[in-house]
Protein backbone atom coordinates (compact mmCIF):
# COMPACT_ATOMS: atom_id res chain seq x y z
CA MET A 1 -8.98 -8.45 38.50
CA HIS A 2 -6.54 -5.90 39.90
CA LEU A 3 -7.80 -2.54 41.07
CA THR A 4 -5.51 0.27 39.92
CA THR A 5 -5.93 3.97 40.57
CA TYR A 6 -4.34 6.41 38.15
CA ALA A 7 -2.95 9.80 39.07
CA LEU A 8 -2.17 12.32 36.35
CA LEU A 9 1.15 14.03 36.97
CA ALA A 10 2.66 16.45 34.45
CA LEU A 11 0.68 14.79 31.63
CA VAL A 12 2.33 11.43 32.39
CA LEU A 13 0.15 8.58 33.62
CA VAL A 14 1.52 7.14 36.87
CA PRO A 15 -0.28 4.17 38.43
CA VAL A 16 -0.62 3.96 42.19
CA THR A 17 -1.20 0.36 43.25
CA ALA A 18 -1.51 -1.64 46.40
CA SER A 19 1.77 -2.91 47.82
CA GLY A 20 3.11 -6.01 46.09
CA GLU A 21 1.25 -5.56 42.81
CA PRO A 22 3.31 -4.96 39.66
CA ALA A 23 3.34 -1.27 38.69
CA VAL A 24 4.93 0.93 36.04
CA GLN A 25 6.01 4.52 36.45
CA ILE A 26 7.17 6.90 33.72
CA ILE A 27 9.62 9.59 34.76
CA PRO A 28 11.89 12.08 32.96
CA ASP A 29 15.23 10.48 32.03
CA ASP A 30 18.08 12.79 33.01
CA THR A 31 20.63 10.50 31.32
CA LYS A 32 19.08 11.48 27.97
CA SER A 33 19.59 7.95 26.62
CA GLY A 34 16.07 7.44 25.24
CA CYS A 35 16.29 9.81 22.26
CA PRO A 36 18.93 10.04 19.53
CA GLN A 37 22.23 11.57 20.65
CA VAL A 38 21.76 14.79 18.63
CA TYR A 39 18.18 15.65 19.61
CA PRO A 40 16.94 19.14 20.51
CA PHE A 41 14.06 18.30 22.89
CA LYS A 42 15.52 16.98 26.16
CA GLU A 43 12.04 16.65 27.73
CA ASP A 44 11.27 13.83 25.28
CA ASN A 45 13.72 11.52 27.11
CA LEU A 46 11.66 9.29 29.40
CA LYS A 47 12.26 6.22 31.51
CA ALA A 48 9.84 3.41 32.39
CA ILE A 49 10.43 1.81 35.78
CA LEU A 50 8.64 -1.50 36.46
CA ARG A 51 8.37 -2.77 40.02
CA ASP A 52 6.63 -5.48 41.98
CA GLY A 53 6.44 -4.02 45.48
CA ASN A 54 10.05 -3.16 46.35
CA LYS A 55 11.51 -5.46 43.68
CA ASN A 56 12.75 -3.74 40.53
CA LEU A 57 11.55 -5.84 37.55
CA ALA A 58 13.04 -3.72 34.76
CA GLU A 59 13.68 -0.20 33.58
CA PHE A 60 14.46 1.25 30.19
CA SER A 61 14.73 4.59 28.46
CA PHE A 62 12.66 5.68 25.49
CA CYS A 63 11.78 8.80 23.50
CA SER A 64 8.30 10.33 23.21
CA SER A 65 7.45 13.72 21.74
CA TYR A 66 6.39 16.45 24.16
CA GLY A 67 7.50 14.16 27.01
CA GLU A 68 4.06 12.49 26.93
CA ALA A 69 3.51 8.75 27.27
CA LYS A 70 1.14 6.33 28.96
CA ALA A 71 1.92 2.88 30.26
CA MET A 72 0.10 0.03 31.93
CA LEU A 73 0.87 -3.52 32.97
CA GLU A 74 -1.41 -6.43 32.11
CA SER A 75 -1.13 -10.07 33.13
CA ASP A 76 -2.27 -12.75 30.72
CA ALA A 77 -4.23 -15.90 31.63
CA LYS A 78 -0.98 -17.71 32.46
CA GLY A 79 0.39 -15.00 34.74
CA ASN A 80 2.90 -13.49 32.29
CA ILE A 81 3.17 -9.72 32.69
CA PHE A 82 3.13 -7.42 29.65
CA LEU A 83 3.87 -3.71 29.42
CA LEU A 84 1.70 -1.66 27.05
CA LEU A 85 3.43 1.62 26.20
CA ARG A 86 1.74 4.39 24.24
CA TYR A 87 4.11 7.09 23.00
CA GLY A 88 4.46 9.64 20.22
CA GLU A 89 6.74 10.86 17.46
CA GLY A 90 6.66 14.21 15.69
CA ARG A 91 5.97 17.79 16.69
CA GLY A 92 3.83 20.57 15.32
CA THR A 93 0.20 21.24 14.52
CA ASN A 94 -1.44 17.93 13.56
CA ALA A 95 1.99 16.32 13.15
CA ARG A 96 2.23 13.87 16.07
CA SER A 97 1.82 10.15 15.43
CA GLU A 98 1.27 7.70 18.27
CA PHE A 99 2.33 4.08 18.63
CA LEU A 100 1.47 1.24 20.97
CA SER A 101 4.32 -1.07 21.90
CA VAL A 102 3.90 -4.31 23.83
CA TYR A 103 6.77 -5.78 25.83
CA LYS A 104 6.90 -9.01 27.82
CA VAL A 105 8.25 -7.96 31.22
CA SER A 106 11.75 -9.31 31.89
CA PRO A 107 15.07 -7.82 32.98
CA LYS A 108 15.90 -7.27 29.28
CA MET A 109 12.79 -5.65 27.85
CA ILE A 110 12.14 -6.84 24.29
CA GLU A 111 9.52 -5.14 22.15
CA TYR A 112 7.14 -7.81 20.85
CA LEU A 113 4.83 -5.44 18.98
CA ARG A 114 4.85 -1.86 17.72
CA VAL A 115 1.71 -0.71 15.97
CA PRO A 116 0.74 2.80 14.83
CA ILE A 117 -2.46 3.84 16.60
CA SER A 118 -2.93 7.45 15.46
CA ALA A 119 -1.58 9.91 12.89
CA PRO A 120 -2.54 12.91 10.80
CA ALA A 121 -4.84 12.01 7.89
CA GLY A 122 -4.78 15.40 6.18
CA PHE A 123 -4.40 19.07 7.02
CA LEU A 124 -7.53 19.14 9.21
CA SER A 125 -8.04 15.49 10.06
CA LYS A 126 -6.55 12.53 11.86
CA TRP A 127 -7.12 8.80 12.14
CA PHE A 128 -6.81 6.60 15.20
CA TYR A 129 -7.45 3.05 16.27
CA GLU A 130 -9.69 2.40 19.25
CA TYR A 131 -8.44 -0.78 20.81
CA ARG A 132 -9.79 -3.42 23.15
CA LEU A 133 -7.61 -5.85 25.05
CA SER A 134 -8.54 -9.46 25.77
CA LYS A 135 -6.69 -12.34 27.40
CA PRO A 136 -7.02 -15.70 25.63
CA THR A 137 -6.97 -18.75 27.91
CA SER A 138 -3.97 -20.06 25.92
CA GLY A 139 -1.91 -17.09 27.15
CA GLY A 140 -0.72 -13.82 25.68
CA LEU A 141 -2.79 -10.77 24.82
CA GLU A 142 -5.12 -10.03 21.95
CA LEU A 143 -5.66 -6.50 20.67
CA ALA A 144 -8.77 -5.74 18.62
CA LEU A 145 -8.38 -2.44 16.76
CA ARG A 146 -11.13 -0.43 15.06
CA LEU A 147 -10.31 2.52 12.81
CA LYS A 148 -11.85 5.95 13.44
CA VAL A 149 -11.37 9.15 11.41
CA GLU A 150 -11.95 12.70 12.65
CA GLY A 151 -12.04 15.95 10.70
CA GLU A 152 -12.38 16.86 7.04
CA GLY A 153 -10.26 15.98 4.03
CA ALA A 154 -8.84 12.70 5.33
CA ASP A 155 -6.59 11.49 2.51
CA TRP A 156 -4.08 9.29 4.33
CA ILE A 157 -5.73 6.54 6.36
CA PRO A 158 -4.85 2.87 6.91
CA SER A 159 -6.56 0.41 4.59
CA GLU A 160 -7.34 -1.95 7.48
CA ARG A 161 -10.51 -0.80 9.25
CA HIS A 162 -10.39 -3.69 11.73
CA ARG A 163 -7.30 -5.51 12.98
CA THR A 164 -6.75 -8.25 15.50
CA ILE A 165 -3.23 -8.80 16.78
CA THR A 166 -2.10 -11.56 19.14
CA VAL A 167 1.03 -11.24 21.27
CA LYS A 168 2.38 -14.29 23.11
């Protein structure tokens, strides 16, 4: 088990790890290549930088509303490294939806999974999935999701109360 300490910096989660352990850092992307070309909120352009000690494993740009995102690296039972990226779309009161994407770490980052994990459910309510991560001995990651609803008047919620998703 790897010990990772998290430091909160400008509402972006940045892991601080011991030298030589894989780490991910999210920073503002000044190239503005993460969001659509005609996009009014420049602070939503972010970049994920993945390193193992001094070695650059990968980096890529993405878009997340309000410039907020969280990321973490997880190794499976076979030593493969996966990036879990939580980011949002939408702006306004009770208008932001969040997604969890899973990438297998490689120089060309390919998104293996994108699942909605929270969204508005009505004017005064929202739904979200609590999720638990496990690592099957056969490799890959398994996400167990459990639906929760907060607030009153929840009209729009997923039909699946429990989901299990495997990524290899």
